[in-house]
């Protein structure tokens, strides 16, 4: 690629990103592009606040280290090394909600993740109920389909639940806005 083609590509990227609403959306797009082309992007030691017309970054403050990347559930599970059933369930929930960007998830999916890796729990519903009873709650039930006690239930980690797992990963900064629940915003 010639220098002119590289500059033209950077100009196109800046134009495309300027058309997006916020930094969280821009970050999602950039992560997708890096994954799409199989590119490993090292974390910068600065927060890029804007890109000037000549392509140079203007900075405002040191960046928070980027979150670790987990390609498979077992990688996250090994990093957390959960000992209790509650921690195992929260690990599975974090995988679905935070790593795979699902806004909510069913208890059966978490249970299957754990069973597939040989770390099943005795009663997923009991563990999720315990997480809901914590103060502050780590999980919230979002929906239930059917009338039986064994009906499919849909859950969501609260901001406190996300923060709990992130703390166990050694990520002590604020919960990213894209992972925050509605309760935390009000």
C-alpha atoms as a PDB file:
ATOM      1  CA  UNK A   1       0.000   0.000   0.000  1.00  0.00           C
ATOM      2  CA  UNK A   2       1.395   3.388  -0.938  1.00  0.00           C
ATOM      3  CA  UNK A   3       1.544   6.260   1.514  1.00  0.00           C
ATOM      4  CA  UNK A   4      -1.192   8.116  -0.385  1.00  0.00           C
ATOM      5  CA  UNK A   5      -3.512   5.078  -0.218  1.00  0.00           C
ATOM      6  CA  UNK A   6      -2.820   4.757   3.512  1.00  0.00           C
ATOM      7  CA  UNK A   7      -3.667   8.421   4.129  1.00  0.00           C
ATOM      8  CA  UNK A   8      -6.816   8.098   2.022  1.00  0.00           C
ATOM      9  CA  UNK A   9      -7.877   5.050   4.073  1.00  0.00           C
ATOM     10  CA  UNK A  10      -7.277   6.910   7.349  1.00  0.00           C
ATOM     11  CA  UNK A  11      -9.271   9.884   6.081  1.00  0.00           C
ATOM     12  CA  UNK A  12     -12.171   7.586   5.170  1.00  0.00           C
ATOM     13  CA  UNK A  13     -12.075   5.954   8.606  1.00  0.00           C
ATOM     14  CA  UNK A  14     -12.083   9.332  10.380  1.00  0.00           C
ATOM     15  CA  UNK A  15     -15.036  10.485   8.263  1.00  0.00           C
ATOM     16  CA  UNK A  16     -16.970   7.295   9.002  1.00  0.00           C
ATOM     17  CA  UNK A  17     -16.294   7.471  12.747  1.00  0.00           C
ATOM     18  CA  UNK A  18     -17.192  11.173  12.929  1.00  0.00           C
ATOM     19  CA  UNK A  19     -20.656  10.207  11.667  1.00  0.00           C
ATOM     20  CA  UNK A  20     -21.301   7.961  14.670  1.00  0.00           C
ATOM     21  CA  UNK A  21     -23.135   9.090  17.812  1.00  0.00           C
ATOM     22  CA  UNK A  22     -20.699   8.443  20.645  1.00  0.00           C
ATOM     23  CA  UNK A  23     -17.373   6.967  21.738  1.00  0.00           C
ATOM     24  CA  UNK A  24     -18.918   3.643  22.780  1.00  0.00           C
ATOM     25  CA  UNK A  25     -20.287   3.134  19.262  1.00  0.00           C
ATOM     26  CA  UNK A  26     -16.966   4.127  17.712  1.00  0.00           C
ATOM     27  CA  UNK A  27     -15.166   1.650  19.981  1.00  0.00           C
ATOM     28  CA  UNK A  28     -17.551  -1.166  18.962  1.00  0.00           C
ATOM     29  CA  UNK A  29     -16.952  -0.427  15.285  1.00  0.00           C
ATOM     30  CA  UNK A  30     -13.185  -0.365  15.734  1.00  0.00           C
ATOM     31  CA  UNK A  31     -13.217  -3.638  17.695  1.00  0.00           C
ATOM     32  CA  UNK A  32     -15.338  -5.244  14.953  1.00  0.00           C
ATOM     33  CA  UNK A  33     -12.959  -4.052  12.225  1.00  0.00           C
ATOM     34  CA  UNK A  34      -9.946  -5.387  14.124  1.00  0.00           C
ATOM     35  CA  UNK A  35     -11.651  -8.770  14.588  1.00  0.00           C
ATOM     36  CA  UNK A  36     -12.872  -8.849  10.976  1.00  0.00           C
ATOM     37  CA  UNK A  37      -9.337  -8.418   9.637  1.00  0.00           C
ATOM     38  CA  UNK A  38      -7.689 -10.513  12.364  1.00  0.00           C
ATOM     39  CA  UNK A  39      -5.662  -7.578  13.626  1.00  0.00           C
ATOM     40  CA  UNK A  40      -4.290  -7.417  17.145  1.00  0.00           C
ATOM     41  CA  UNK A  41      -4.227  -3.770  18.173  1.00  0.00           C
ATOM     42  CA  UNK A  42      -1.958  -2.910  21.096  1.00  0.00           C
ATOM     43  CA  UNK A  43      -3.429  -0.637  23.743  1.00  0.00           C
ATOM     44  CA  UNK A  44      -2.313   2.954  23.487  1.00  0.00           C
ATOM     45  CA  UNK A  45      -1.053   4.730  26.563  1.00  0.00           C
ATOM     46  CA  UNK A  46      -3.268   7.745  25.855  1.00  0.00           C
ATOM     47  CA  UNK A  47      -6.927   8.626  25.388  1.00  0.00           C
ATOM     48  CA  UNK A  48      -7.437   9.863  21.847  1.00  0.00           C
ATOM     49  CA  UNK A  49      -9.943  12.686  22.055  1.00  0.00           C
ATOM     50  CA  UNK A  50      -9.799  13.736  18.428  1.00  0.00           C
ATOM     51  CA  UNK A  51      -7.881  13.254  15.223  1.00  0.00           C
ATOM     52  CA  UNK A  52      -6.623  16.362  13.481  1.00  0.00           C
ATOM     53  CA  UNK A  53      -6.881  16.911   9.731  1.00  0.00           C
ATOM     54  CA  UNK A  54      -3.291  15.780   9.273  1.00  0.00           C
ATOM     55  CA  UNK A  55      -4.103  12.393  10.879  1.00  0.00           C
ATOM     56  CA  UNK A  56      -2.336  12.978  14.187  1.00  0.00           C
ATOM     57  CA  UNK A  57      -4.088  12.164  17.452  1.00  0.00           C
ATOM     58  CA  UNK A  58      -4.734  14.891  20.011  1.00  0.00           C
ATOM     59  CA  UNK A  59      -4.780  13.510  23.522  1.00  0.00           C
ATOM     60  CA  UNK A  60      -6.279  14.530  26.826  1.00  0.00           C
ATOM     61  CA  UNK A  61      -5.217  12.037  29.529  1.00  0.00           C
ATOM     62  CA  UNK A  62      -3.674   8.625  30.122  1.00  0.00           C
ATOM     63  CA  UNK A  63      -5.967   5.797  29.083  1.00  0.00           C
ATOM     64  CA  UNK A  64      -7.379   3.142  31.328  1.00  0.00           C
ATOM     65  CA  UNK A  65      -5.828  -0.205  30.397  1.00  0.00           C
ATOM     66  CA  UNK A  66      -8.018  -2.154  28.009  1.00  0.00           C
ATOM     67  CA  UNK A  67     -10.019  -5.118  29.206  1.00  0.00           C
ATOM     68  CA  UNK A  68      -8.494  -8.532  28.612  1.00  0.00           C
ATOM     69  CA  UNK A  69      -9.816 -10.404  25.588  1.00  0.00           C
ATOM     70  CA  UNK A  70     -11.250 -13.882  26.085  1.00  0.00           C
ATOM     71  CA  UNK A  71     -11.686 -15.971  22.948  1.00  0.00           C
ATOM     72  CA  UNK A  72     -13.434 -18.835  24.720  1.00  0.00           C
ATOM     73  CA  UNK A  73     -15.531 -19.204  27.854  1.00  0.00           C
ATOM     74  CA  UNK A  74     -12.914 -21.489  29.407  1.00  0.00           C
ATOM     75  CA  UNK A  75     -10.349 -18.666  29.153  1.00  0.00           C
ATOM     76  CA  UNK A  76     -12.596 -16.367  31.197  1.00  0.00           C
ATOM     77  CA  UNK A  77     -13.411 -19.198  33.595  1.00  0.00           C
ATOM     78  CA  UNK A  78      -9.703 -19.926  34.131  1.00  0.00           C
ATOM     79  CA  UNK A  79      -8.922 -16.225  34.637  1.00  0.00           C
ATOM     80  CA  UNK A  80     -11.597 -15.924  37.334  1.00  0.00           C
ATOM     81  CA  UNK A  81     -11.152 -19.402  38.836  1.00  0.00           C
ATOM     82  CA  UNK A  82     -14.556 -19.259  40.585  1.00  0.00           C
ATOM     83  CA  UNK A  83     -14.829 -21.396  43.717  1.00  0.00           C
ATOM     84  CA  UNK A  84     -18.488 -20.987  44.711  1.00  0.00           C
ATOM     85  CA  UNK A  85     -21.560 -21.887  42.696  1.00  0.00           C
ATOM     86  CA  UNK A  86     -22.628 -18.242  42.766  1.00  0.00           C
ATOM     87  CA  UNK A  87     -19.291 -17.144  41.302  1.00  0.00           C
ATOM     88  CA  UNK A  88     -19.508 -19.841  38.625  1.00  0.00           C
ATOM     89  CA  UNK A  89     -22.974 -18.640  37.605  1.00  0.00           C
ATOM     90  CA  UNK A  90     -21.838 -15.000  37.550  1.00  0.00           C
ATOM     91  CA  UNK A  91     -18.875 -15.997  35.382  1.00  0.00           C
ATOM     92  CA  UNK A  92     -21.210 -17.608  32.833  1.00  0.00           C
ATOM     93  CA  UNK A  93     -23.535 -14.612  32.954  1.00  0.00           C
ATOM     94  CA  UNK A  94     -20.637 -12.194  32.433  1.00  0.00           C
ATOM     95  CA  UNK A  95     -19.485 -14.228  29.425  1.00  0.00           C
ATOM     96  CA  UNK A  96     -22.895 -13.944  27.786  1.00  0.00           C
ATOM     97  CA  UNK A  97     -23.676 -10.341  28.726  1.00  0.00           C
ATOM     98  CA  UNK A  98     -20.346  -8.524  28.773  1.00  0.00           C
ATOM     99  CA  UNK A  99     -18.066 -10.527  26.513  1.00  0.00           C
ATOM    100  CA  UNK A 100     -20.706 -11.532  23.939  1.00  0.00           C
ATOM    101  CA  UNK A 101     -22.722  -8.294  24.299  1.00  0.00           C
ATOM    102  CA  UNK A 102     -26.080  -9.961  24.927  1.00  0.00           C
ATOM    103  CA  UNK A 103     -28.451  -7.575  26.727  1.00  0.00           C
ATOM    104  CA  UNK A 104     -30.015 -10.490  28.649  1.00  0.00           C
ATOM    105  CA  UNK A 105     -29.683 -14.263  28.824  1.00  0.00           C
ATOM    106  CA  UNK A 106     -31.524 -17.374  29.907  1.00  0.00           C
ATOM    107  CA  UNK A 107     -30.450 -19.376  32.904  1.00  0.00           C
ATOM    108  CA  UNK A 108     -30.275 -22.509  30.731  1.00  0.00           C
ATOM    109  CA  UNK A 109     -27.545 -20.919  28.590  1.00  0.00           C
ATOM    110  CA  UNK A 110     -25.418 -20.196  31.648  1.00  0.00           C
ATOM    111  CA  UNK A 111     -26.070 -23.712  32.960  1.00  0.00           C
ATOM    112  CA  UNK A 112     -25.039 -25.240  29.607  1.00  0.00           C
ATOM    113  CA  UNK A 113     -21.810 -23.216  29.494  1.00  0.00           C
ATOM    114  CA  UNK A 114     -20.887 -24.477  32.940  1.00  0.00           C
ATOM    115  CA  UNK A 115     -21.857 -28.096  32.233  1.00  0.00           C
ATOM    116  CA  UNK A 116     -19.978 -28.095  28.915  1.00  0.00           C
ATOM    117  CA  UNK A 117     -16.779 -27.118  30.723  1.00  0.00           C
ATOM    118  CA  UNK A 118     -17.291 -29.659  33.507  1.00  0.00           C
ATOM    119  CA  UNK A 119     -18.200 -27.065  36.135  1.00  0.00           C
ATOM    120  CA  UNK A 120     -21.958 -27.427  36.441  1.00  0.00           C
ATOM    121  CA  UNK A 121     -23.850 -26.157  39.448  1.00  0.00           C
ATOM    122  CA  UNK A 122     -26.355 -28.148  41.500  1.00  0.00           C
ATOM    123  CA  UNK A 123     -29.247 -25.689  41.035  1.00  0.00           C
ATOM    124  CA  UNK A 124     -28.928 -22.719  38.672  1.00  0.00           C
ATOM    125  CA  UNK A 125     -32.207 -21.151  39.827  1.00  0.00           C
ATOM    126  CA  UNK A 126     -31.100 -21.268  43.467  1.00  0.00           C
ATOM    127  CA  UNK A 127     -27.802 -19.564  42.577  1.00  0.00           C
ATOM    128  CA  UNK A 128     -29.537 -16.850  40.550  1.00  0.00           C
ATOM    129  CA  UNK A 129     -32.054 -16.262  43.335  1.00  0.00           C
ATOM    130  CA  UNK A 130     -29.156 -15.828  45.765  1.00  0.00           C
ATOM    131  CA  UNK A 131     -27.577 -13.301  43.379  1.00  0.00           C
ATOM    132  CA  UNK A 132     -30.854 -11.374  43.258  1.00  0.00           C
ATOM    133  CA  UNK A 133     -31.086 -11.295  47.063  1.00  0.00           C
ATOM    134  CA  UNK A 134     -27.626  -9.764  47.505  1.00  0.00           C
ATOM    135  CA  UNK A 135     -27.560  -6.121  48.451  1.00  0.00           C
ATOM    136  CA  UNK A 136     -27.072  -4.585  45.985  1.00  0.00           C
ATOM    137  CA  UNK A 137     -28.549  -7.201  43.669  1.00  0.00           C
ATOM    138  CA  UNK A 138     -26.055  -8.775  41.260  1.00  0.00           C
ATOM    139  CA  UNK A 139     -28.721 -10.163  38.900  1.00  0.00           C
ATOM    140  CA  UNK A 140     -32.282  -9.225  37.959  1.00  0.00           C
ATOM    141  CA  UNK A 141     -34.917 -11.457  36.404  1.00  0.00           C
ATOM    142  CA  UNK A 142     -36.178  -9.728  33.258  1.00  0.00           C
ATOM    143  CA  UNK A 143     -38.861 -12.144  32.031  1.00  0.00           C
ATOM    144  CA  UNK A 144     -40.431 -15.543  32.589  1.00  0.00           C
ATOM    145  CA  UNK A 145     -42.188 -17.620  29.962  1.00  0.00           C
ATOM    146  CA  UNK A 146     -44.700 -20.157  31.206  1.00  0.00           C
ATOM    147  CA  UNK A 147     -46.370 -20.732  34.546  1.00  0.00           C
ATOM    148  CA  UNK A 148     -44.355 -23.608  35.991  1.00  0.00           C
ATOM    149  CA  UNK A 149     -41.511 -23.035  38.432  1.00  0.00           C
ATOM    150  CA  UNK A 150     -39.181 -24.556  35.818  1.00  0.00           C
ATOM    151  CA  UNK A 151     -40.238 -22.036  33.135  1.00  0.00           C
ATOM    152  CA  UNK A 152     -37.610 -20.362  30.992  1.00  0.00           C
ATOM    153  CA  UNK A 153     -36.381 -17.276  32.795  1.00  0.00           C
ATOM    154  CA  UNK A 154     -34.440 -14.413  31.298  1.00  0.00           C
ATOM    155  CA  UNK A 155     -31.946 -12.505  33.440  1.00  0.00           C
ATOM    156  CA  UNK A 156     -29.542  -9.589  33.310  1.00  0.00           C
ATOM    157  CA  UNK A 157     -26.483  -8.762  35.374  1.00  0.00           C
ATOM    158  CA  UNK A 158     -26.903  -5.457  37.168  1.00  0.00           C
ATOM    159  CA  UNK A 159     -24.167  -2.859  37.129  1.00  0.00           C
ATOM    160  CA  UNK A 160     -23.187  -4.201  40.558  1.00  0.00           C
ATOM    161  CA  UNK A 161     -23.016  -7.730  39.125  1.00  0.00           C
ATOM    162  CA  UNK A 162     -20.788  -6.603  36.269  1.00  0.00           C
ATOM    163  CA  UNK A 163     -18.587  -4.652  38.708  1.00  0.00           C
ATOM    164  CA  UNK A 164     -18.365  -7.717  40.987  1.00  0.00           C
ATOM    165  CA  UNK A 165     -16.989  -9.914  38.181  1.00  0.00           C
ATOM    166  CA  UNK A 166     -14.733  -7.147  36.857  1.00  0.00           C
ATOM    167  CA  UNK A 167     -13.252  -6.696  40.346  1.00  0.00           C
ATOM    168  CA  UNK A 168     -12.455 -10.414  40.442  1.00  0.00           C
ATOM    169  CA  UNK A 169     -10.641  -9.923  37.109  1.00  0.00           C
ATOM    170  CA  UNK A 170      -8.643  -7.090  38.658  1.00  0.00           C
ATOM    171  CA  UNK A 171     -10.474  -4.432  36.623  1.00  0.00           C
ATOM    172  CA  UNK A 172     -11.161  -1.836  39.271  1.00  0.00           C
ATOM    173  CA  UNK A 173     -12.180   1.085  37.044  1.00  0.00           C
ATOM    174  CA  UNK A 174     -15.746   2.148  36.442  1.00  0.00           C
ATOM    175  CA  UNK A 175     -18.093  -0.227  34.652  1.00  0.00           C
ATOM    176  CA  UNK A 176     -18.126   0.690  30.947  1.00  0.00           C
ATOM    177  CA  UNK A 177     -21.291   2.586  30.000  1.00  0.00           C
ATOM    178  CA  UNK A 178     -22.305  -0.140  27.544  1.00  0.00           C
ATOM    179  CA  UNK A 179     -22.442  -2.612  30.453  1.00  0.00           C
ATOM    180  CA  UNK A 180     -24.292  -0.378  32.904  1.00  0.00           C
ATOM    181  CA  UNK A 181     -27.930  -1.137  33.660  1.00  0.00           C
ATOM    182  CA  UNK A 182     -30.787   1.350  33.598  1.00  0.00           C
ATOM    183  CA  UNK A 183     -30.937   1.572  37.413  1.00  0.00           C
ATOM    184  CA  UNK A 184     -27.393   2.966  37.571  1.00  0.00           C
ATOM    185  CA  UNK A 185     -28.225   5.709  35.090  1.00  0.00           C
ATOM    186  CA  UNK A 186     -31.173   7.113  37.032  1.00  0.00           C
END
